[in-house]
Amino acid sequence: MRRVVCVTGVTGFAAAFVVESLLERGYIVHGTTRASDSPIAKQAHLFALPGAADRLKVFEADIMNLESLMPAFRGCEGVFHMATPIEIPLQGEEPVAEAEVSQIKPALTGLRNVFDACAELGIKRICLTSSNAAISFPPPESGVINEECWSDEAWLHGQRRWYTMAKTRQERLAWELAEAAGVTLCTVCPPYIFGPRKTGHLNFSHAVLLEIINGAFATIPNDRHVQLVDARDVAAVHVLGYERDEGRRYFACAAQVHMRELCATAASHFPQFSESIPTNLADEGAGVSAHPAMDNARCVNLLGRAFRGWEETIIATIRSLVDSGDAVAHAAERVKRG
């Protein structure tokens, strides 16, 4: 008998890799997508995956609507909750009251609906895609970022970091609900997720690289360190963490590099963009700022191997942007905007 699971937000960038990994391991996969994401064209990359024709079924559902989740969850042993209905702007000028409505409340309501649907159907295993946003802010006094760290909500509020606040509160609530319901919960906390694209749309991580290669930065911020991971490794952590069934938190971060290193790698492998990619720090005299250390030993132990090298990941990501035409299109749009 094949195991059956559901992946919410199945048309997302990272979700495609989770679906691929699950299919490779023999699962039957149900996926949920909102009505706006349901056209067949937005699902073509999923049904092109090996095994998808026979073992993938996509349901139209809205995690803000409990009843809409029931058909997708029915018959499943577990759920990978990867969808978070958070609207831009992520942080900054949006008033507190608006941030509650557009970002924080949807993240919490969607999570409660997932847990309630699982409770009604007797599902006792959930894997939540959280974020390093729930771990890393402000930098811990210990100087080391790992699964024991939690972002400070008072600090986040003061900094108006609403996305970070939403993900922090969402994951804390998930652990509370799991304990109350007797659910085995696994949470995965990735930073920027890069890697070759399967989907037709761009995510925030792609936008970072597009900005870099197309001249959005004249200089490199001294304090700009980038935590990153390959989507293929993120998928492996999700599936292996779920299968291990230990109810653990995983800081799925492969590396932490300064933006200067990232720019240098991009320029050396894609010389067509070298004139647009910054090379100098904003303040050369000050040098690169210090940053906390990163401890990903729990994930490395789970994977049974090291994460993919960050250079390999960045090169694969930019190559996919070039091959798809998005890199050139983004450059043209910047010229158009002046």
Protein backbone atom coordinates (compact mmCIF):
# COMPACT_ATOMS: atom_id res chain seq x y z
CA MET A 1 0.00 0.00 0.00
CA ARG A 2 1.46 3.34 -1.06
CA ARG A 3 1.63 6.16 1.47
CA VAL A 4 -0.52 9.23 0.73
CA VAL A 5 0.36 12.79 1.76
CA CYS A 6 -0.81 16.29 0.88
CA VAL A 7 1.36 19.31 0.03
CA THR A 8 -0.29 22.71 0.42
CA GLY A 9 0.80 25.49 -1.92
CA VAL A 10 1.91 22.86 -4.40
CA THR A 11 2.65 25.28 -7.25
CA GLY A 12 5.31 27.10 -5.23
CA PHE A 13 9.02 27.01 -6.08
CA ALA A 14 10.21 24.85 -3.17
CA ALA A 15 7.04 22.74 -3.18
CA ALA A 16 7.86 21.39 -6.64
CA PHE A 17 11.05 19.85 -5.28
CA VAL A 18 9.24 18.36 -2.30
CA VAL A 19 6.68 16.79 -4.64
CA GLU A 20 9.48 15.43 -6.81
CA SER A 21 11.19 13.89 -3.79
CA LEU A 22 7.97 12.34 -2.52
CA LEU A 23 7.17 10.84 -5.91
CA GLU A 24 10.68 9.41 -6.16
CA ARG A 25 10.09 7.68 -2.82
CA GLY A 26 6.84 6.12 -4.01
CA TYR A 27 4.25 8.35 -2.33
CA ILE A 28 0.87 9.28 -3.72
CA VAL A 29 0.75 13.07 -3.50
CA HIS A 30 -2.24 15.35 -3.17
CA GLY A 31 -1.54 19.04 -3.71
CA THR A 32 -3.55 22.17 -3.00
CA THR A 33 -3.52 25.38 -5.00
CA ARG A 34 -5.62 28.50 -4.93
CA ALA A 35 -8.07 29.19 -7.75
CA SER A 36 -5.76 31.93 -9.09
CA ASP A 37 -2.95 29.37 -9.36
CA SER A 38 -5.03 26.52 -10.76
CA PRO A 39 -4.72 26.92 -14.55
CA ILE A 40 -3.15 23.85 -16.12
CA ALA A 41 -0.23 25.93 -17.41
CA LYS A 42 0.85 26.67 -13.83
CA GLN A 43 0.82 22.96 -13.00
CA ALA A 44 2.56 21.61 -16.10
CA HIS A 45 5.96 21.43 -14.38
CA LEU A 46 4.46 19.22 -11.68
CA PHE A 47 2.81 16.75 -14.01
CA ALA A 48 6.05 16.50 -15.99
CA LEU A 49 7.72 14.92 -12.94
CA PRO A 50 8.34 11.15 -13.06
CA GLY A 51 5.41 9.34 -11.46
CA ALA A 52 3.15 12.40 -11.44
CA ALA A 53 0.74 11.16 -14.11
CA ASP A 54 -0.33 8.26 -11.89
CA ARG A 55 0.39 9.50 -8.37
CA LEU A 56 -0.21 13.27 -8.25
CA LYS A 57 -3.59 14.91 -7.89
CA VAL A 58 -4.06 18.67 -7.52
CA PHE A 59 -7.05 20.09 -5.66
CA GLU A 60 -8.31 23.65 -5.76
CA ALA A 61 -8.36 24.82 -2.14
CA ASP A 62 -7.79 27.90 -0.04
CA ILE A 63 -6.08 27.41 3.30
CA MET A 64 -8.15 30.33 4.59
CA ASN A 65 -11.23 28.14 4.06
CA LEU A 66 -11.24 25.05 6.28
CA GLU A 67 -13.87 23.12 4.33
CA SER A 68 -12.01 23.55 1.05
CA LEU A 69 -9.07 21.59 2.49
CA MET A 70 -11.06 18.47 3.32
CA PRO A 71 -11.14 16.80 -0.13
CA ALA A 72 -7.37 17.21 -0.52
CA PHE A 73 -6.55 15.94 2.99
CA ARG A 74 -8.97 13.02 2.97
CA GLY A 75 -7.16 9.69 2.76
CA CYS A 76 -3.78 11.21 3.69
CA GLU A 77 -1.50 10.06 6.51
CA GLY A 78 0.27 13.42 6.74
CA VAL A 79 0.42 16.98 5.45
CA PHE A 80 3.30 19.14 4.28
CA HIS A 81 2.08 22.67 4.95
CA MET A 82 4.09 24.89 2.61
CA ALA A 83 1.55 27.58 1.73
CA THR A 84 1.57 30.89 3.61
CA PRO A 85 -0.90 33.52 2.33
CA ILE A 86 1.26 36.57 3.04
CA GLU A 87 0.94 39.72 0.97
CA ILE A 88 3.58 42.31 0.06
CA PRO A 89 4.87 44.61 1.55
CA LEU A 90 6.84 42.26 3.75
CA GLN A 91 7.99 44.91 6.20
CA GLY A 92 8.59 48.62 6.62
CA GLU A 93 5.93 51.24 5.97
CA GLU A 94 2.78 49.15 6.32
CA PRO A 95 0.87 50.19 9.48
CA VAL A 96 0.66 47.67 12.31
CA ALA A 97 -3.10 47.17 11.89
CA GLU A 98 -2.73 46.50 8.17
CA ALA A 99 0.14 44.09 8.77
CA GLU A 100 -2.07 42.11 11.14
CA VAL A 101 -4.73 41.79 8.45
CA SER A 102 -2.54 41.18 5.40
CA GLN A 103 0.27 39.08 6.86
CA ILE A 104 0.07 37.89 10.46
CA LYS A 105 -3.59 36.88 10.70
CA PRO A 106 -3.58 34.93 7.39
CA ALA A 107 -0.48 32.97 8.42
CA LEU A 108 -2.08 31.99 11.73
CA THR A 109 -5.58 31.36 10.39
CA GLY A 110 -4.26 29.18 7.57
CA LEU A 111 -2.22 27.16 10.04
CA ARG A 112 -5.20 26.66 12.37
CA ASN A 113 -7.29 25.49 9.43
CA VAL A 114 -4.66 22.92 8.48
CA PHE A 115 -4.54 21.58 12.04
CA ASP A 116 -8.35 21.58 12.33
CA ALA A 117 -8.75 19.70 9.06
CA CYS A 118 -6.14 17.17 10.16
CA ALA A 119 -7.90 16.73 13.51
CA GLU A 120 -11.24 16.09 11.82
CA LEU A 121 -9.69 13.48 9.51
CA GLY A 122 -7.46 11.83 12.12
CA ILE A 123 -4.17 12.95 10.52
CA LYS A 124 -1.39 12.94 13.11
CA ARG A 125 1.69 14.05 11.18
CA ILE A 126 2.44 17.52 9.85
CA CYS A 127 5.59 19.02 8.35
CA LEU A 128 5.54 22.84 8.36
CA THR A 129 7.70 25.01 6.14
CA SER A 130 8.78 27.72 8.54
CA SER A 131 11.72 30.06 7.88
CA ASN A 132 15.03 31.27 9.21
CA ALA A 133 12.95 34.39 9.86
CA ALA A 134 11.68 32.55 12.95
CA ILE A 135 15.23 31.88 14.13
CA SER A 136 17.70 34.62 13.27
CA PHE A 137 16.49 38.04 14.47
CA PRO A 138 18.11 39.79 16.16
CA PRO A 139 21.40 37.85 16.05
CA PRO A 140 21.59 35.66 19.18
CA GLU A 141 23.82 36.67 22.07
CA SER A 142 25.45 33.24 21.89
CA GLY A 143 26.87 34.17 18.49
CA VAL A 144 25.59 30.90 16.99
CA ILE A 145 22.35 30.44 15.03
CA ASN A 146 20.74 27.00 15.37
CA GLU A 147 17.41 25.31 16.12
CA GLU A 148 17.42 26.52 19.72
CA CYS A 149 17.12 30.16 18.60
CA TRP A 150 13.84 32.04 18.24
CA SER A 151 13.35 35.50 16.77
CA ASP A 152 12.29 38.09 19.36
CA GLU A 153 8.78 39.35 18.65
CA ALA A 154 9.21 42.64 20.53
CA TRP A 155 12.33 43.41 18.50
CA LEU A 156 10.58 42.47 15.26
CA HIS A 157 7.67 44.75 16.09
CA GLY A 158 10.02 47.63 16.75
CA GLN A 159 11.76 47.03 13.44
CA ARG A 160 8.42 46.61 11.62
CA ARG A 161 9.55 43.28 10.21
CA TRP A 162 6.09 41.92 9.52
CA TYR A 163 6.95 38.86 7.42
CA THR A 164 9.46 37.79 10.04
CA MET A 165 6.87 38.37 12.75
CA ALA A 166 4.28 36.33 10.84
CA LYS A 167 6.59 33.35 10.36
CA THR A 168 7.77 33.46 13.98
CA ARG A 169 4.26 33.54 15.39
CA GLN A 170 3.12 30.89 12.93
CA GLU A 171 5.76 28.40 13.95
CA ARG A 172 5.29 29.03 17.68
CA LEU A 173 1.56 28.44 17.24
CA ALA A 174 2.26 25.24 15.30
CA TRP A 175 4.21 23.75 18.20
CA GLU A 176 1.44 24.74 20.63
CA LEU A 177 -1.27 23.17 18.45
CA ALA A 178 0.77 20.02 17.86
CA GLU A 179 1.28 19.46 21.57
CA ALA A 180 -2.41 20.03 22.31
CA ALA A 181 -3.56 17.69 19.53
CA GLY A 182 -0.96 14.97 19.94
CA VAL A 183 0.36 15.60 16.44
CA THR A 184 3.94 14.78 15.45
CA LEU A 185 5.24 18.04 14.00
CA CYS A 186 8.38 18.61 11.96
CA THR A 187 9.34 22.20 11.09
CA VAL A 188 11.86 23.20 8.45
CA CYS A 189 13.42 26.68 8.68
CA PRO A 190 15.20 27.57 5.42
CA PRO A 191 16.75 30.94 4.51
CA TYR A 192 16.89 32.19 0.91
CA ILE A 193 16.04 29.18 -1.28
CA PHE A 194 17.90 29.08 -4.58
CA GLY A 195 18.35 26.40 -7.21
CA PRO A 196 17.27 25.58 -10.76
CA ARG A 197 13.69 26.59 -11.44
CA LYS A 198 10.86 24.19 -12.14
CA THR A 199 8.06 26.74 -11.92
CA GLY A 200 7.29 29.56 -14.32
CA HIS A 201 7.22 32.30 -11.72
CA LEU A 202 9.96 33.98 -9.71
CA ASN A 203 10.31 33.93 -5.95
CA PHE A 204 12.00 36.42 -3.61
CA SER A 205 15.32 34.61 -3.80
CA HIS A 206 15.36 34.84 -7.60
CA ALA A 207 14.63 38.54 -7.29
CA VAL A 208 17.77 39.00 -5.17
CA LEU A 209 19.97 37.49 -7.87
CA LEU A 210 18.23 39.40 -10.64
CA GLU A 211 18.86 42.64 -8.78
CA ILE A 212 22.53 41.74 -8.38
CA ILE A 213 23.25 40.79 -11.98
CA ASN A 214 21.25 43.66 -13.46
CA GLY A 215 22.84 46.56 -11.62
CA ALA A 216 20.38 47.36 -8.87
CA PHE A 217 23.30 47.81 -6.46
CA ALA A 218 26.03 50.36 -7.16
CA THR A 219 28.03 49.04 -4.21
CA ILE A 220 27.81 46.10 -1.85
CA PRO A 221 26.46 46.77 1.66
CA ASN A 222 29.13 46.02 4.25
CA ASP A 223 26.67 44.14 6.46
CA ARG A 224 24.91 42.12 3.73
CA HIS A 225 25.44 38.46 4.60
CA VAL A 226 23.20 35.98 2.79
CA GLN A 227 22.05 32.71 4.32
CA LEU A 228 21.10 30.34 1.54
CA VAL A 229 20.22 26.77 0.64
CA ASP A 230 19.49 24.74 -2.48
CA ALA A 231 15.84 23.84 -3.08
CA ARG A 232 16.83 20.22 -3.69
CA ASP A 233 18.33 20.02 -0.21
CA VAL A 234 15.34 21.78 1.33
CA ALA A 235 13.10 19.12 -0.18
CA ALA A 236 15.27 16.35 1.21
CA VAL A 237 15.12 17.86 4.71
CA HIS A 238 11.33 18.09 4.51
CA VAL A 239 10.84 14.48 3.45
CA LEU A 240 13.51 12.90 5.66
CA GLY A 241 12.42 14.99 8.65
CA TYR A 242 8.84 13.87 8.11
CA GLU A 243 9.84 10.23 7.74
CA ARG A 244 12.06 10.25 10.80
CA ASP A 245 8.91 11.03 12.82
CA GLU A 246 10.73 12.59 15.76
CA GLY A 247 8.95 15.92 15.99
CA ARG A 248 12.02 18.10 15.48
CA ARG A 249 12.92 21.53 14.17
CA TYR A 250 15.47 21.82 11.33
CA PHE A 251 17.51 24.92 10.44
CA ALA A 252 17.99 24.09 6.76
CA CYS A 253 20.81 26.48 5.92
CA ALA A 254 23.68 25.38 3.70
CA ALA A 255 25.91 28.41 3.99
CA GLN A 256 26.20 32.00 5.07
CA VAL A 257 28.21 34.12 2.63
CA HIS A 258 28.84 37.80 2.25
CA MET A 259 27.19 39.40 -0.76
CA ARG A 260 30.66 40.29 -2.08
CA GLU A 261 31.45 36.56 -2.50
CA LEU A 262 28.11 35.98 -4.17
CA CYS A 263 28.74 38.86 -6.61
CA ALA A 264 32.23 37.60 -7.40
CA THR A 265 30.91 34.12 -8.21
CA ALA A 266 28.16 35.52 -10.42
CA ALA A 267 30.57 37.78 -12.32
CA SER A 268 33.15 35.05 -12.92
CA HIS A 269 30.66 32.53 -14.33
CA PHE A 270 28.41 34.97 -16.20
CA PRO A 271 30.71 37.59 -17.76
CA GLN A 272 27.84 39.01 -19.81
CA PHE A 273 26.63 40.62 -16.58
CA SER A 274 30.03 41.57 -15.14
CA GLU A 275 29.66 45.29 -15.86
CA SER A 276 26.39 45.40 -13.92
CA ILE A 277 27.50 43.38 -10.90
CA PRO A 278 28.96 45.49 -8.06
CA THR A 279 32.47 44.78 -6.84
CA ASN A 280 33.14 47.42 -4.17
CA LEU A 281 31.84 47.67 -0.62
CA ALA A 282 29.80 50.71 0.31
CA ASP A 283 32.55 51.57 2.78
CA GLU A 284 35.79 49.91 1.72
CA GLY A 285 37.63 51.24 4.75
CA ALA A 286 35.28 49.54 7.19
CA GLY A 287 35.55 46.09 5.64
CA VAL A 288 33.01 43.30 5.89
CA SER A 289 30.93 43.39 9.08
CA ALA A 290 30.90 40.53 11.59
CA HIS A 291 28.05 38.04 11.67
CA PRO A 292 26.91 35.13 13.87
CA ALA A 293 28.15 31.62 13.20
CA MET A 294 25.77 29.06 11.74
CA ASP A 295 25.18 25.56 13.09
CA ASN A 296 23.45 23.21 10.65
CA ALA A 297 24.72 19.97 12.19
CA ARG A 298 21.22 18.61 12.83
CA CYS A 299 20.32 18.85 9.14
CA VAL A 300 23.65 17.42 8.00
CA ASN A 301 23.07 14.45 10.30
CA LEU A 302 19.54 14.02 8.91
CA LEU A 303 20.74 14.16 5.30
CA GLY A 304 23.69 11.88 5.96
CA ARG A 305 25.84 14.20 3.83
CA ALA A 306 26.89 17.81 3.49
CA PHE A 307 24.63 20.36 1.83
CA ARG A 308 25.35 21.22 -1.79
CA GLY A 309 28.04 23.86 -2.16
CA TRP A 310 26.64 27.37 -2.32
CA GLU A 311 28.58 28.22 -5.49
CA GLU A 312 27.00 25.27 -7.31
CA THR A 313 23.57 26.47 -6.20
CA ILE A 314 24.08 30.08 -7.24
CA ILE A 315 25.47 29.11 -10.63
CA ALA A 316 22.56 26.73 -11.28
CA THR A 317 20.06 29.41 -10.29
CA ILE A 318 21.49 32.13 -12.52
CA ARG A 319 21.85 29.69 -15.40
CA SER A 320 18.15 28.81 -15.13
CA LEU A 321 17.26 32.52 -15.12
CA VAL A 322 19.38 33.09 -18.21
CA ASP A 323 18.01 30.04 -20.03
CA SER A 324 14.42 31.07 -19.31
CA GLY A 325 14.99 34.62 -20.52
CA ASP A 326 14.08 36.15 -17.17
CA ALA A 327 17.54 37.65 -16.62
CA VAL A 328 17.40 39.53 -19.92
CA ALA A 329 13.76 40.54 -19.43
CA HIS A 330 14.52 41.89 -15.97
CA ALA A 331 17.44 43.92 -17.34
CA ALA A 332 15.25 45.38 -20.08
CA GLU A 333 12.61 46.35 -17.52
CA ARG A 334 15.23 48.17 -15.42
CA VAL A 335 16.37 50.13 -18.48
CA LYS A 336 12.75 50.95 -19.29
CA ARG A 337 12.15 52.26 -15.78
CA GLY A 338 15.30 54.32 -16.08
